[in-house]
Amino acid sequence: MKGFRSFILRGNVVDLAVGIVIGAAFTAVVNGFVSAFLTPLVGLAAGATGDMNRKTFTVGATQFPYGAFINAVISFVLLASALYFLVVLPINKLHERLAPHQDV
């Protein structure tokens, strides 16, 4: 039990847990932004009216919800780019500044 307690209280485990919670909250914000603003703009550009998330096409008796897919793609691209520019690039620059490469 003592080993488990020291594992849980280790700094990187706590940081990971905080990162997951913040990531989930950030994902909800991005999905809300995409649903409220970007998907309707895509719908206007494509000539679709109403809720783009509910747009479907039918083949035979099967409906394909392409609007939900477009919404998910926009959310993914926006979330990935935000994480890249707000987390990955600054961390890489900080890492290079603190541990510069040594040419041999």
N, C-alpha and C. Protein backbone atom coordinates (compact mmCIF):
# COMPACT_ATOMS: atom_id res chain seq x y z
N MET A 1 0.82 -1.19 0.00
CA MET A 1 0.00 0.00 0.00
C MET A 1 0.87 1.25 0.00
N LYS A 2 2.01 1.21 0.69
CA LYS A 2 2.89 2.36 0.75
C LYS A 2 3.46 2.70 -0.62
N GLY A 3 3.81 1.66 -1.40
CA GLY A 3 4.33 1.88 -2.75
C GLY A 3 3.29 2.51 -3.66
N PHE A 4 2.04 2.06 -3.54
CA PHE A 4 0.97 2.63 -4.36
C PHE A 4 0.75 4.09 -4.01
N ARG A 5 0.78 4.42 -2.73
CA ARG A 5 0.59 5.80 -2.30
C ARG A 5 1.70 6.70 -2.84
N SER A 6 2.94 6.23 -2.81
CA SER A 6 4.04 7.04 -3.34
C SER A 6 3.93 7.18 -4.85
N PHE A 7 3.42 6.14 -5.54
CA PHE A 7 3.21 6.23 -6.99
C PHE A 7 2.16 7.27 -7.32
N ILE A 8 1.05 7.25 -6.61
CA ILE A 8 -0.05 8.19 -6.87
C ILE A 8 0.37 9.62 -6.56
N LEU A 9 1.15 9.81 -5.52
CA LEU A 9 1.54 11.16 -5.13
C LEU A 9 2.76 11.67 -5.88
N ARG A 10 3.29 10.86 -6.78
CA ARG A 10 4.41 11.31 -7.60
C ARG A 10 3.96 12.48 -8.46
N GLY A 11 4.83 13.41 -8.71
CA GLY A 11 4.46 14.62 -9.44
C GLY A 11 3.94 14.38 -10.83
N ASN A 12 4.55 13.48 -11.60
CA ASN A 12 4.12 13.32 -12.98
C ASN A 12 2.75 12.65 -13.08
N VAL A 13 2.36 11.83 -12.12
CA VAL A 13 1.03 11.22 -12.15
C VAL A 13 -0.03 12.28 -11.88
N VAL A 14 0.22 13.15 -10.93
CA VAL A 14 -0.72 14.23 -10.63
C VAL A 14 -0.81 15.19 -11.82
N ASP A 15 0.33 15.51 -12.43
CA ASP A 15 0.34 16.39 -13.60
C ASP A 15 -0.45 15.77 -14.75
N LEU A 16 -0.29 14.47 -14.95
CA LEU A 16 -1.03 13.78 -16.01
C LEU A 16 -2.53 13.83 -15.74
N ALA A 17 -2.93 13.61 -14.50
CA ALA A 17 -4.36 13.67 -14.16
C ALA A 17 -4.93 15.06 -14.40
N VAL A 18 -4.19 16.08 -13.99
CA VAL A 18 -4.63 17.46 -14.22
C VAL A 18 -4.71 17.74 -15.72
N GLY A 19 -3.74 17.27 -16.48
CA GLY A 19 -3.75 17.48 -17.93
C GLY A 19 -4.94 16.82 -18.60
N ILE A 20 -5.30 15.65 -18.14
CA ILE A 20 -6.46 14.95 -18.73
C ILE A 20 -7.75 15.73 -18.44
N VAL A 21 -7.90 16.20 -17.23
CA VAL A 21 -9.11 16.96 -16.87
C VAL A 21 -9.17 18.26 -17.66
N ILE A 22 -8.07 18.97 -17.76
CA ILE A 22 -8.05 20.22 -18.52
C ILE A 22 -8.27 19.93 -20.00
N GLY A 23 -7.69 18.85 -20.50
CA GLY A 23 -7.90 18.47 -21.90
C GLY A 23 -9.35 18.17 -22.20
N ALA A 24 -10.02 17.48 -21.30
CA ALA A 24 -11.44 17.19 -21.49
C ALA A 24 -12.28 18.46 -21.49
N ALA A 25 -11.96 19.38 -20.59
CA ALA A 25 -12.69 20.65 -20.55
C ALA A 25 -12.42 21.46 -21.81
N PHE A 26 -11.17 21.47 -22.27
CA PHE A 26 -10.81 22.20 -23.48
C PHE A 26 -11.51 21.59 -24.70
N THR A 27 -11.61 20.26 -24.73
CA THR A 27 -12.30 19.59 -25.82
C THR A 27 -13.76 19.99 -25.86
N ALA A 28 -14.39 20.09 -24.70
CA ALA A 28 -15.79 20.52 -24.65
C ALA A 28 -15.96 21.94 -25.17
N VAL A 29 -15.02 22.82 -24.83
CA VAL A 29 -15.08 24.20 -25.32
C VAL A 29 -14.90 24.24 -26.84
N VAL A 30 -13.93 23.48 -27.35
CA VAL A 30 -13.69 23.46 -28.79
C VAL A 30 -14.90 22.88 -29.52
N ASN A 31 -15.46 21.80 -29.01
CA ASN A 31 -16.64 21.21 -29.66
C ASN A 31 -17.82 22.18 -29.65
N GLY A 32 -17.99 22.90 -28.55
CA GLY A 32 -19.05 23.91 -28.50
C GLY A 32 -18.83 25.03 -29.50
N PHE A 33 -17.59 25.48 -29.62
CA PHE A 33 -17.26 26.54 -30.58
C PHE A 33 -17.51 26.06 -32.01
N VAL A 34 -17.09 24.85 -32.30
CA VAL A 34 -17.29 24.31 -33.65
C VAL A 34 -18.78 24.16 -33.95
N SER A 35 -19.54 23.63 -32.99
CA SER A 35 -20.98 23.43 -33.21
C SER A 35 -21.72 24.76 -33.35
N ALA A 36 -21.31 25.75 -32.56
CA ALA A 36 -22.05 27.02 -32.55
C ALA A 36 -21.65 27.96 -33.67
N PHE A 37 -20.37 27.93 -34.10
CA PHE A 37 -19.91 28.94 -35.04
C PHE A 37 -19.37 28.38 -36.35
N LEU A 38 -18.46 27.42 -36.27
CA LEU A 38 -17.79 26.97 -37.50
C LEU A 38 -18.67 26.09 -38.38
N THR A 39 -19.40 25.16 -37.78
CA THR A 39 -20.26 24.29 -38.59
C THR A 39 -21.34 25.08 -39.32
N PRO A 40 -22.00 26.06 -38.70
CA PRO A 40 -22.95 26.87 -39.46
C PRO A 40 -22.29 27.65 -40.60
N LEU A 41 -21.05 28.12 -40.39
CA LEU A 41 -20.36 28.81 -41.48
C LEU A 41 -20.07 27.87 -42.64
N VAL A 42 -19.68 26.64 -42.33
CA VAL A 42 -19.47 25.64 -43.38
C VAL A 42 -20.79 25.37 -44.09
N GLY A 43 -21.86 25.29 -43.33
CA GLY A 43 -23.18 25.09 -43.93
C GLY A 43 -23.58 26.22 -44.85
N LEU A 44 -23.28 27.46 -44.46
CA LEU A 44 -23.58 28.60 -45.32
C LEU A 44 -22.75 28.56 -46.60
N ALA A 45 -21.47 28.21 -46.46
CA ALA A 45 -20.60 28.13 -47.63
C ALA A 45 -21.02 27.01 -48.57
N ALA A 46 -21.55 25.92 -48.01
CA ALA A 46 -21.96 24.78 -48.83
C ALA A 46 -23.39 24.93 -49.33
N GLY A 47 -24.07 25.96 -48.91
CA GLY A 47 -25.44 26.17 -49.35
C GLY A 47 -26.46 25.42 -48.51
N ALA A 48 -26.04 24.83 -47.41
CA ALA A 48 -26.95 24.12 -46.53
C ALA A 48 -27.52 25.10 -45.51
N THR A 49 -28.75 24.88 -45.14
CA THR A 49 -29.36 25.74 -44.13
C THR A 49 -29.75 24.89 -42.94
N GLY A 50 -29.91 25.52 -41.80
CA GLY A 50 -30.29 24.79 -40.61
C GLY A 50 -29.08 24.20 -39.90
N ASP A 51 -29.34 23.17 -39.12
CA ASP A 51 -28.30 22.51 -38.32
C ASP A 51 -27.50 21.57 -39.21
N MET A 52 -26.28 21.96 -39.53
CA MET A 52 -25.40 21.14 -40.38
C MET A 52 -25.11 19.79 -39.73
N ASN A 53 -25.15 19.72 -38.41
CA ASN A 53 -24.86 18.49 -37.70
C ASN A 53 -25.89 17.40 -38.01
N ARG A 54 -27.08 17.79 -38.41
CA ARG A 54 -28.15 16.82 -38.70
C ARG A 54 -28.27 16.48 -40.19
N LYS A 55 -27.38 16.98 -41.01
CA LYS A 55 -27.44 16.71 -42.44
C LYS A 55 -27.06 15.26 -42.72
N THR A 56 -27.83 14.63 -43.57
CA THR A 56 -27.59 13.24 -43.94
C THR A 56 -27.82 13.05 -45.43
N PHE A 57 -27.31 11.94 -45.94
CA PHE A 57 -27.72 11.49 -47.27
C PHE A 57 -28.10 10.02 -47.14
N THR A 58 -28.95 9.58 -48.03
CA THR A 58 -29.50 8.24 -47.93
C THR A 58 -29.10 7.42 -49.13
N VAL A 59 -28.64 6.21 -48.87
CA VAL A 59 -28.35 5.22 -49.90
C VAL A 59 -29.18 3.99 -49.55
N GLY A 60 -30.11 3.66 -50.40
CA GLY A 60 -31.03 2.57 -50.07
C GLY A 60 -31.87 2.97 -48.88
N ALA A 61 -31.82 2.17 -47.84
CA ALA A 61 -32.57 2.48 -46.63
C ALA A 61 -31.66 2.96 -45.50
N THR A 62 -30.40 3.22 -45.83
CA THR A 62 -29.44 3.61 -44.81
C THR A 62 -29.12 5.09 -44.91
N GLN A 63 -29.16 5.77 -43.75
CA GLN A 63 -28.81 7.19 -43.71
C GLN A 63 -27.37 7.35 -43.22
N PHE A 64 -26.66 8.25 -43.86
CA PHE A 64 -25.28 8.55 -43.49
C PHE A 64 -25.22 10.00 -42.98
N PRO A 65 -24.90 10.20 -41.68
CA PRO A 65 -24.88 11.55 -41.10
C PRO A 65 -23.56 12.27 -41.39
N TYR A 66 -23.43 12.80 -42.59
CA TYR A 66 -22.18 13.47 -42.96
C TYR A 66 -21.98 14.77 -42.21
N GLY A 67 -23.03 15.39 -41.74
CA GLY A 67 -22.90 16.63 -40.97
C GLY A 67 -22.18 16.40 -39.65
N ALA A 68 -22.49 15.30 -38.99
CA ALA A 68 -21.81 14.97 -37.73
C ALA A 68 -20.34 14.69 -37.98
N PHE A 69 -20.04 14.04 -39.10
CA PHE A 69 -18.64 13.76 -39.44
C PHE A 69 -17.88 15.06 -39.72
N ILE A 70 -18.48 15.96 -40.46
CA ILE A 70 -17.82 17.25 -40.74
C ILE A 70 -17.59 18.00 -39.44
N ASN A 71 -18.56 17.97 -38.55
CA ASN A 71 -18.42 18.61 -37.24
C ASN A 71 -17.26 18.00 -36.46
N ALA A 72 -17.13 16.68 -36.47
CA ALA A 72 -16.05 16.00 -35.75
C ALA A 72 -14.68 16.32 -36.37
N VAL A 73 -14.61 16.39 -37.69
CA VAL A 73 -13.35 16.71 -38.36
C VAL A 73 -12.90 18.13 -38.02
N ILE A 74 -13.83 19.07 -38.08
CA ILE A 74 -13.50 20.45 -37.74
C ILE A 74 -13.03 20.54 -36.29
N SER A 75 -13.71 19.84 -35.38
CA SER A 75 -13.31 19.84 -33.97
C SER A 75 -11.91 19.27 -33.80
N PHE A 76 -11.63 18.16 -34.49
CA PHE A 76 -10.32 17.53 -34.38
C PHE A 76 -9.22 18.45 -34.89
N VAL A 77 -9.42 19.03 -36.06
CA VAL A 77 -8.39 19.90 -36.65
C VAL A 77 -8.16 21.12 -35.77
N LEU A 78 -9.21 21.72 -35.26
CA LEU A 78 -9.07 22.89 -34.40
C LEU A 78 -8.38 22.52 -33.08
N LEU A 79 -8.77 21.41 -32.48
CA LEU A 79 -8.15 20.98 -31.23
C LEU A 79 -6.68 20.61 -31.44
N ALA A 80 -6.37 19.88 -32.51
CA ALA A 80 -4.99 19.48 -32.77
C ALA A 80 -4.11 20.70 -33.05
N SER A 81 -4.62 21.66 -33.81
CA SER A 81 -3.81 22.84 -34.10
C SER A 81 -3.63 23.70 -32.85
N ALA A 82 -4.65 23.82 -32.03
CA ALA A 82 -4.51 24.59 -30.79
C ALA A 82 -3.49 23.93 -29.86
N LEU A 83 -3.55 22.62 -29.72
CA LEU A 83 -2.58 21.93 -28.87
C LEU A 83 -1.17 22.07 -29.43
N TYR A 84 -1.03 21.98 -30.74
CA TYR A 84 0.30 22.10 -31.34
C TYR A 84 0.89 23.49 -31.11
N PHE A 85 0.10 24.53 -31.40
CA PHE A 85 0.62 25.89 -31.31
C PHE A 85 0.69 26.42 -29.88
N LEU A 86 -0.17 25.93 -28.99
CA LEU A 86 -0.19 26.43 -27.62
C LEU A 86 0.59 25.58 -26.63
N VAL A 87 0.88 24.31 -27.00
CA VAL A 87 1.60 23.43 -26.07
C VAL A 87 2.90 22.92 -26.67
N VAL A 88 2.83 22.27 -27.81
CA VAL A 88 3.99 21.58 -28.37
C VAL A 88 5.08 22.56 -28.77
N LEU A 89 4.76 23.58 -29.55
CA LEU A 89 5.78 24.54 -29.98
C LEU A 89 6.44 25.27 -28.80
N PRO A 90 5.67 25.80 -27.84
CA PRO A 90 6.35 26.45 -26.71
C PRO A 90 7.22 25.49 -25.89
N ILE A 91 6.78 24.26 -25.70
CA ILE A 91 7.59 23.29 -24.95
C ILE A 91 8.86 22.96 -25.72
N ASN A 92 8.76 22.79 -27.04
CA ASN A 92 9.95 22.52 -27.84
C ASN A 92 10.94 23.68 -27.79
N LYS A 93 10.44 24.91 -27.87
CA LYS A 93 11.32 26.08 -27.79
C LYS A 93 11.97 26.18 -26.41
N LEU A 94 11.21 25.91 -25.37
CA LEU A 94 11.76 25.94 -24.02
C LEU A 94 12.81 24.85 -23.85
N HIS A 95 12.55 23.68 -24.39
CA HIS A 95 13.50 22.57 -24.29
C HIS A 95 14.79 22.90 -25.02
N GLU A 96 14.70 23.50 -26.20
CA GLU A 96 15.90 23.88 -26.94
C GLU A 96 16.69 24.98 -26.21
N ARG A 97 16.00 25.89 -25.57
CA ARG A 97 16.66 26.97 -24.85
C ARG A 97 17.39 26.43 -23.61
N LEU A 98 16.77 25.47 -22.92
CA LEU A 98 17.37 24.95 -21.71
C LEU A 98 18.43 23.88 -21.97
N ALA A 99 18.29 23.15 -23.08
CA ALA A 99 19.24 22.08 -23.41
C ALA A 99 19.63 22.21 -24.88
N PRO A 100 20.46 23.20 -25.21
CA PRO A 100 20.84 23.38 -26.62
C PRO A 100 21.65 22.20 -27.15
N HIS A 101 21.51 21.98 -28.45
CA HIS A 101 22.23 20.88 -29.09
C HIS A 101 23.72 21.21 -29.14
N GLN A 102 24.53 20.24 -28.88
CA GLN A 102 25.99 20.42 -28.93
C GLN A 102 26.50 19.78 -30.22
N ASP A 103 27.08 20.57 -31.11
CA ASP A 103 27.67 20.05 -32.34
C ASP A 103 29.04 19.48 -32.03
N VAL A 104 29.28 18.26 -32.51
CA VAL A 104 30.56 17.61 -32.24
C VAL A 104 31.42 17.66 -33.46
